[in-house]
Amino acid sequence: MAKLKKPASIAKDEFKSQKFDELTQGRNFTASDIPTLAMLCHWHQIAQQCIDDMQTQDGIQVAYMNKLDDLKALPQIAVLKQASAEIRALNKQLGINDQAQNQDKKKTKKASLLTLVVKDRAKKSGGA
């Protein structure tokens, strides 16, 4: 598996560079996937920035009072929702979405089938 060349815009940013390495490690991408991977790194950084912006010493801030004393949701929440949707879509486009979840389901199905066979054999041997 050939290592992809990291774009300069990704390489010069520490967060994006680490995310690019994390996303490409152990996966087989082609050069044509690089723009999509770069966009995915960008959205991950946006999501992280929103999370950082909402973090306070007392926990997480989700609302603020405007000049008219109206309680409003922080704009970062809407941006975070958009980033999350973009990340899911790009993951799906790159074929990396739900990979771990699908592997867990396969393991569970095999274990369930094995359990059924063992129980069935135990039942047959106990009744015979």
N, C-alpha and C. Protein backbone atom coordinates (compact mmCIF):
# COMPACT_ATOMS: atom_id res chain seq x y z
N MET A 1 0.84 -1.16 0.00
CA MET A 1 0.00 0.00 0.00
C MET A 1 0.90 1.24 0.00
N ALA A 2 0.79 2.03 -1.05
CA ALA A 2 1.62 3.22 -1.20
C ALA A 2 1.09 4.33 -0.30
N LYS A 3 2.01 5.04 0.33
CA LYS A 3 1.63 6.14 1.23
C LYS A 3 1.25 7.35 0.38
N LEU A 4 0.12 7.97 0.72
CA LEU A 4 -0.33 9.15 0.00
C LEU A 4 0.53 10.35 0.36
N LYS A 5 0.72 11.22 -0.62
CA LYS A 5 1.45 12.46 -0.37
C LYS A 5 0.48 13.45 0.27
N LYS A 6 0.87 13.92 1.42
CA LYS A 6 0.04 14.85 2.18
C LYS A 6 0.08 16.22 1.51
N PRO A 7 -1.09 16.83 1.22
CA PRO A 7 -1.10 18.16 0.61
C PRO A 7 -0.43 19.19 1.53
N ALA A 8 0.16 20.20 0.94
CA ALA A 8 0.87 21.24 1.70
C ALA A 8 -0.06 21.93 2.69
N SER A 9 -1.31 22.17 2.29
CA SER A 9 -2.26 22.85 3.18
C SER A 9 -2.57 22.02 4.42
N ILE A 10 -2.47 20.71 4.30
CA ILE A 10 -2.70 19.81 5.43
C ILE A 10 -1.42 19.69 6.26
N ALA A 11 -0.29 19.54 5.58
CA ALA A 11 0.99 19.33 6.26
C ALA A 11 1.39 20.50 7.15
N LYS A 12 1.02 21.73 6.76
CA LYS A 12 1.45 22.90 7.54
C LYS A 12 0.58 23.14 8.78
N ASP A 13 -0.53 22.44 8.90
CA ASP A 13 -1.40 22.58 10.07
C ASP A 13 -1.30 21.32 10.91
N GLU A 14 -0.89 21.46 12.17
CA GLU A 14 -0.63 20.29 13.02
C GLU A 14 -1.87 19.42 13.22
N PHE A 15 -3.02 20.04 13.49
CA PHE A 15 -4.25 19.27 13.72
C PHE A 15 -4.63 18.49 12.47
N LYS A 16 -4.67 19.19 11.33
CA LYS A 16 -5.06 18.53 10.08
C LYS A 16 -4.07 17.45 9.69
N SER A 17 -2.80 17.70 9.91
CA SER A 17 -1.77 16.72 9.57
C SER A 17 -1.94 15.44 10.38
N GLN A 18 -2.19 15.59 11.68
CA GLN A 18 -2.41 14.41 12.53
C GLN A 18 -3.68 13.68 12.13
N LYS A 19 -4.73 14.42 11.81
CA LYS A 19 -6.00 13.81 11.41
C LYS A 19 -5.82 13.06 10.08
N PHE A 20 -5.07 13.64 9.15
CA PHE A 20 -4.80 12.99 7.86
C PHE A 20 -4.08 11.66 8.09
N ASP A 21 -3.07 11.69 8.96
CA ASP A 21 -2.33 10.46 9.27
C ASP A 21 -3.25 9.42 9.90
N GLU A 22 -4.09 9.86 10.82
CA GLU A 22 -5.03 8.96 11.50
C GLU A 22 -6.01 8.33 10.50
N LEU A 23 -6.53 9.14 9.59
CA LEU A 23 -7.51 8.66 8.62
C LEU A 23 -6.91 7.72 7.58
N THR A 24 -5.68 7.96 7.20
CA THR A 24 -5.08 7.16 6.14
C THR A 24 -4.36 5.91 6.65
N GLN A 25 -4.06 5.87 7.94
CA GLN A 25 -3.33 4.73 8.49
C GLN A 25 -4.15 3.44 8.33
N GLY A 26 -3.54 2.47 7.68
CA GLY A 26 -4.17 1.17 7.51
C GLY A 26 -5.28 1.13 6.47
N ARG A 27 -5.46 2.21 5.75
CA ARG A 27 -6.49 2.24 4.71
C ARG A 27 -5.84 2.42 3.35
N ASN A 28 -6.54 2.01 2.33
CA ASN A 28 -6.00 2.03 0.98
C ASN A 28 -6.69 3.10 0.15
N PHE A 29 -6.15 4.31 0.16
CA PHE A 29 -6.71 5.41 -0.62
C PHE A 29 -5.85 5.66 -1.85
N THR A 30 -6.45 6.31 -2.85
CA THR A 30 -5.72 6.68 -4.06
C THR A 30 -5.50 8.19 -4.06
N ALA A 31 -4.70 8.65 -5.00
CA ALA A 31 -4.42 10.08 -5.11
C ALA A 31 -5.70 10.88 -5.36
N SER A 32 -6.66 10.28 -6.02
CA SER A 32 -7.92 11.00 -6.30
C SER A 32 -8.75 11.22 -5.03
N ASP A 33 -8.43 10.51 -3.96
CA ASP A 33 -9.13 10.68 -2.68
C ASP A 33 -8.57 11.84 -1.85
N ILE A 34 -7.43 12.36 -2.24
CA ILE A 34 -6.76 13.39 -1.44
C ILE A 34 -7.62 14.63 -1.21
N PRO A 35 -8.29 15.19 -2.23
CA PRO A 35 -9.13 16.37 -1.95
C PRO A 35 -10.26 16.08 -0.94
N THR A 36 -10.85 14.91 -1.03
CA THR A 36 -11.91 14.53 -0.10
C THR A 36 -11.35 14.35 1.30
N LEU A 37 -10.18 13.73 1.40
CA LEU A 37 -9.52 13.56 2.70
C LEU A 37 -9.17 14.93 3.30
N ALA A 38 -8.71 15.85 2.46
CA ALA A 38 -8.37 17.19 2.94
C ALA A 38 -9.62 17.89 3.48
N MET A 39 -10.74 17.75 2.76
CA MET A 39 -11.99 18.35 3.22
C MET A 39 -12.45 17.71 4.53
N LEU A 40 -12.27 16.41 4.65
CA LEU A 40 -12.64 15.70 5.88
C LEU A 40 -11.81 16.22 7.06
N CYS A 41 -10.52 16.41 6.85
CA CYS A 41 -9.65 16.96 7.90
C CYS A 41 -10.11 18.36 8.29
N HIS A 42 -10.50 19.15 7.30
CA HIS A 42 -10.98 20.51 7.54
C HIS A 42 -12.23 20.50 8.42
N TRP A 43 -13.19 19.64 8.11
CA TRP A 43 -14.42 19.57 8.89
C TRP A 43 -14.16 19.05 10.30
N HIS A 44 -13.22 18.14 10.44
CA HIS A 44 -12.85 17.67 11.78
C HIS A 44 -12.29 18.83 12.61
N GLN A 45 -11.49 19.68 11.98
CA GLN A 45 -10.93 20.82 12.70
C GLN A 45 -12.02 21.82 13.09
N ILE A 46 -12.98 22.02 12.21
CA ILE A 46 -14.09 22.92 12.52
C ILE A 46 -14.88 22.38 13.72
N ALA A 47 -15.16 21.09 13.70
CA ALA A 47 -15.89 20.47 14.81
C ALA A 47 -15.12 20.64 16.12
N GLN A 48 -13.82 20.40 16.08
CA GLN A 48 -13.01 20.54 17.29
C GLN A 48 -12.98 21.98 17.78
N GLN A 49 -12.92 22.94 16.85
CA GLN A 49 -12.92 24.35 17.24
C GLN A 49 -14.23 24.73 17.93
N CYS A 50 -15.35 24.22 17.41
CA CYS A 50 -16.65 24.48 18.05
C CYS A 50 -16.68 23.91 19.46
N ILE A 51 -16.19 22.70 19.61
CA ILE A 51 -16.14 22.07 20.94
C ILE A 51 -15.28 22.89 21.88
N ASP A 52 -14.12 23.32 21.40
CA ASP A 52 -13.22 24.13 22.22
C ASP A 52 -13.87 25.46 22.61
N ASP A 53 -14.58 26.08 21.65
CA ASP A 53 -15.23 27.37 21.92
C ASP A 53 -16.33 27.27 22.97
N MET A 54 -17.00 26.14 23.04
CA MET A 54 -18.09 25.96 24.00
C MET A 54 -17.60 25.55 25.38
N GLN A 55 -16.36 25.11 25.46
CA GLN A 55 -15.80 24.63 26.73
C GLN A 55 -15.50 25.81 27.66
N THR A 56 -15.93 25.68 28.91
CA THR A 56 -15.63 26.68 29.93
C THR A 56 -15.01 25.96 31.12
N GLN A 57 -14.60 26.73 32.11
CA GLN A 57 -14.04 26.12 33.32
C GLN A 57 -15.10 25.33 34.08
N ASP A 58 -16.36 25.71 33.92
CA ASP A 58 -17.45 25.06 34.64
C ASP A 58 -18.11 23.94 33.84
N GLY A 59 -17.65 23.67 32.65
CA GLY A 59 -18.27 22.64 31.80
C GLY A 59 -18.41 23.12 30.38
N ILE A 60 -19.62 22.98 29.86
CA ILE A 60 -19.87 23.37 28.47
C ILE A 60 -20.95 24.44 28.44
N GLN A 61 -20.68 25.51 27.71
CA GLN A 61 -21.66 26.58 27.54
C GLN A 61 -22.45 26.30 26.27
N VAL A 62 -23.78 26.28 26.36
CA VAL A 62 -24.60 26.01 25.19
C VAL A 62 -25.51 27.19 24.83
N ALA A 63 -25.57 28.19 25.71
CA ALA A 63 -26.44 29.33 25.46
C ALA A 63 -25.79 30.61 25.98
N TYR A 64 -26.33 31.73 25.51
CA TYR A 64 -25.85 33.04 25.96
C TYR A 64 -27.04 34.01 25.98
N MET A 65 -26.88 35.11 26.67
CA MET A 65 -27.90 36.16 26.71
C MET A 65 -27.49 37.24 25.71
N ASN A 66 -28.40 37.59 24.81
CA ASN A 66 -28.09 38.66 23.87
C ASN A 66 -28.36 40.02 24.52
N LYS A 67 -28.22 41.10 23.76
CA LYS A 67 -28.38 42.46 24.30
C LYS A 67 -29.79 42.73 24.80
N LEU A 68 -30.76 41.98 24.29
CA LEU A 68 -32.16 42.15 24.71
C LEU A 68 -32.53 41.20 25.84
N ASP A 69 -31.53 40.58 26.43
CA ASP A 69 -31.71 39.60 27.50
C ASP A 69 -32.50 38.37 27.07
N ASP A 70 -32.41 38.04 25.79
CA ASP A 70 -33.00 36.79 25.30
C ASP A 70 -31.96 35.69 25.40
N LEU A 71 -32.39 34.53 25.83
CA LEU A 71 -31.50 33.38 25.92
C LEU A 71 -31.40 32.73 24.53
N LYS A 72 -30.22 32.65 23.99
CA LYS A 72 -30.00 32.12 22.64
C LYS A 72 -28.99 30.98 22.68
N ALA A 73 -29.19 30.02 21.79
CA ALA A 73 -28.23 28.93 21.64
C ALA A 73 -26.96 29.48 21.00
N LEU A 74 -25.83 28.96 21.43
CA LEU A 74 -24.56 29.38 20.82
C LEU A 74 -24.55 29.00 19.34
N PRO A 75 -24.05 29.86 18.47
CA PRO A 75 -23.96 29.54 17.04
C PRO A 75 -23.08 28.31 16.77
N GLN A 76 -22.15 28.04 17.68
CA GLN A 76 -21.26 26.89 17.50
C GLN A 76 -22.03 25.57 17.45
N ILE A 77 -23.20 25.52 18.09
CA ILE A 77 -23.98 24.29 18.09
C ILE A 77 -24.45 23.98 16.67
N ALA A 78 -24.95 24.98 15.96
CA ALA A 78 -25.39 24.78 14.58
C ALA A 78 -24.22 24.41 13.67
N VAL A 79 -23.10 25.08 13.88
CA VAL A 79 -21.92 24.78 13.07
C VAL A 79 -21.43 23.36 13.36
N LEU A 80 -21.46 22.96 14.62
CA LEU A 80 -21.04 21.61 15.01
C LEU A 80 -21.95 20.55 14.37
N LYS A 81 -23.25 20.83 14.34
CA LYS A 81 -24.18 19.90 13.69
C LYS A 81 -23.87 19.78 12.20
N GLN A 82 -23.58 20.91 11.55
CA GLN A 82 -23.23 20.90 10.13
C GLN A 82 -21.93 20.14 9.90
N ALA A 83 -20.94 20.38 10.75
CA ALA A 83 -19.66 19.68 10.62
C ALA A 83 -19.84 18.18 10.79
N SER A 84 -20.67 17.80 11.73
CA SER A 84 -20.93 16.38 11.97
C SER A 84 -21.57 15.73 10.74
N ALA A 85 -22.53 16.42 10.14
CA ALA A 85 -23.18 15.90 8.93
C ALA A 85 -22.19 15.78 7.78
N GLU A 86 -21.34 16.78 7.62
CA GLU A 86 -20.33 16.75 6.56
C GLU A 86 -19.34 15.62 6.78
N ILE A 87 -18.92 15.42 8.02
CA ILE A 87 -17.97 14.35 8.35
C ILE A 87 -18.58 12.99 8.02
N ARG A 88 -19.84 12.79 8.39
CA ARG A 88 -20.50 11.51 8.08
C ARG A 88 -20.58 11.29 6.58
N ALA A 89 -20.95 12.33 5.83
CA ALA A 89 -21.07 12.21 4.38
C ALA A 89 -19.72 11.91 3.72
N LEU A 90 -18.68 12.60 4.16
CA LEU A 90 -17.35 12.38 3.59
C LEU A 90 -16.81 11.01 3.97
N ASN A 91 -17.07 10.58 5.21
CA ASN A 91 -16.67 9.23 5.62
C ASN A 91 -17.32 8.19 4.71
N LYS A 92 -18.60 8.38 4.46
CA LYS A 92 -19.33 7.44 3.60
C LYS A 92 -18.77 7.46 2.18
N GLN A 93 -18.49 8.65 1.68
CA GLN A 93 -17.93 8.79 0.33
C GLN A 93 -16.58 8.08 0.21
N LEU A 94 -15.79 8.13 1.27
CA LEU A 94 -14.47 7.50 1.27
C LEU A 94 -14.53 6.02 1.67
N GLY A 95 -15.70 5.56 2.07
CA GLY A 95 -15.84 4.16 2.46
C GLY A 95 -15.29 3.86 3.84
N ILE A 96 -15.21 4.85 4.71
CA ILE A 96 -14.68 4.61 6.05
C ILE A 96 -15.73 4.78 7.13
N ASN A 97 -16.98 4.93 6.74
CA ASN A 97 -18.01 5.12 7.77
C ASN A 97 -18.51 3.78 8.27
N ASP A 98 -18.76 3.73 9.55
CA ASP A 98 -19.31 2.55 10.24
C ASP A 98 -18.45 1.31 10.09
N GLN A 99 -17.19 1.44 9.80
CA GLN A 99 -16.32 0.29 9.61
C GLN A 99 -16.21 -0.54 10.89
N ALA A 100 -15.94 0.08 11.98
CA ALA A 100 -15.81 -0.65 13.25
C ALA A 100 -17.15 -1.21 13.68
N GLN A 101 -18.21 -0.47 13.45
CA GLN A 101 -19.54 -0.92 13.84
C GLN A 101 -19.92 -2.18 13.05
N ASN A 102 -19.63 -2.22 11.76
CA ASN A 102 -19.93 -3.39 10.94
C ASN A 102 -19.13 -4.60 11.40
N GLN A 103 -17.87 -4.41 11.78
CA GLN A 103 -17.05 -5.51 12.26
C GLN A 103 -17.61 -6.06 13.56
N ASP A 104 -18.09 -5.18 14.44
CA ASP A 104 -18.69 -5.63 15.70
C ASP A 104 -19.94 -6.45 15.45
N LYS A 105 -20.76 -6.03 14.47
CA LYS A 105 -21.98 -6.77 14.15
C LYS A 105 -21.65 -8.16 13.63
N LYS A 106 -20.62 -8.26 12.78
CA LYS A 106 -20.22 -9.57 12.25
C LYS A 106 -19.77 -10.48 13.38
N LYS A 107 -18.98 -9.95 14.30
CA LYS A 107 -18.51 -10.75 15.44
C LYS A 107 -19.69 -11.21 16.29
N THR A 108 -20.63 -10.32 16.49
CA THR A 108 -21.80 -10.65 17.31
C THR A 108 -22.62 -11.75 16.65
N LYS A 109 -22.82 -11.66 15.34
CA LYS A 109 -23.59 -12.67 14.63
C LYS A 109 -22.91 -14.03 14.72
N LYS A 110 -21.59 -14.06 14.54
CA LYS A 110 -20.86 -15.32 14.63
C LYS A 110 -20.97 -15.90 16.03
N ALA A 111 -20.81 -15.05 17.02
CA ALA A 111 -20.90 -15.52 18.40
C ALA A 111 -22.30 -16.03 18.69
N SER A 112 -23.31 -15.36 18.19
CA SER A 112 -24.69 -15.79 18.41
C SER A 112 -24.94 -17.14 17.75
N LEU A 113 -24.46 -17.33 16.54
CA LEU A 113 -24.62 -18.59 15.83
C LEU A 113 -23.90 -19.70 16.58
N LEU A 114 -22.69 -19.43 17.02
CA LEU A 114 -21.93 -20.42 17.77
C LEU A 114 -22.66 -20.78 19.07
N THR A 115 -23.18 -19.79 19.73
CA THR A 115 -23.92 -20.04 20.96
C THR A 115 -25.14 -20.91 20.70
N LEU A 116 -25.84 -20.64 19.61
CA LEU A 116 -27.02 -21.44 19.26
C LEU A 116 -26.65 -22.89 18.98
N VAL A 117 -25.56 -23.11 18.26
CA VAL A 117 -25.12 -24.47 17.94
C VAL A 117 -24.75 -25.22 19.22
N VAL A 118 -24.01 -24.57 20.09
CA VAL A 118 -23.59 -25.21 21.34
C VAL A 118 -24.82 -25.55 22.19
N LYS A 119 -25.76 -24.62 22.29
CA LYS A 119 -26.97 -24.87 23.07
C LYS A 119 -27.78 -26.01 22.45
N ASP A 120 -27.88 -26.02 21.13
CA ASP A 120 -28.64 -27.07 20.44
C ASP A 120 -28.01 -28.43 20.68
N ARG A 121 -26.70 -28.52 20.58
CA ARG A 121 -26.00 -29.79 20.82
C ARG A 121 -26.15 -30.24 22.27
N ALA A 122 -26.08 -29.29 23.18
CA ALA A 122 -26.25 -29.63 24.60
C ALA A 122 -27.65 -30.16 24.86
N LYS A 123 -28.62 -29.54 24.21
CA LYS A 123 -30.01 -29.97 24.37
C LYS A 123 -30.20 -31.39 23.84
N LYS A 124 -29.63 -31.66 22.65
CA LYS A 124 -29.75 -32.98 22.02
C LYS A 124 -29.05 -34.05 22.85
N SER A 125 -27.87 -33.74 23.36
CA SER A 125 -27.14 -34.75 24.13
C SER A 125 -27.78 -34.98 25.50
N GLY A 126 -28.39 -33.97 26.05
CA GLY A 126 -29.06 -34.11 27.34
C GLY A 126 -30.38 -34.86 27.23
N GLY A 127 -31.04 -34.73 26.10
CA GLY A 127 -32.33 -35.38 25.90
C GLY A 127 -32.21 -36.79 25.37
N ALA A 128 -31.04 -37.21 24.87
CA ALA A 128 -30.89 -38.53 24.26
C ALA A 128 -30.53 -39.59 25.24
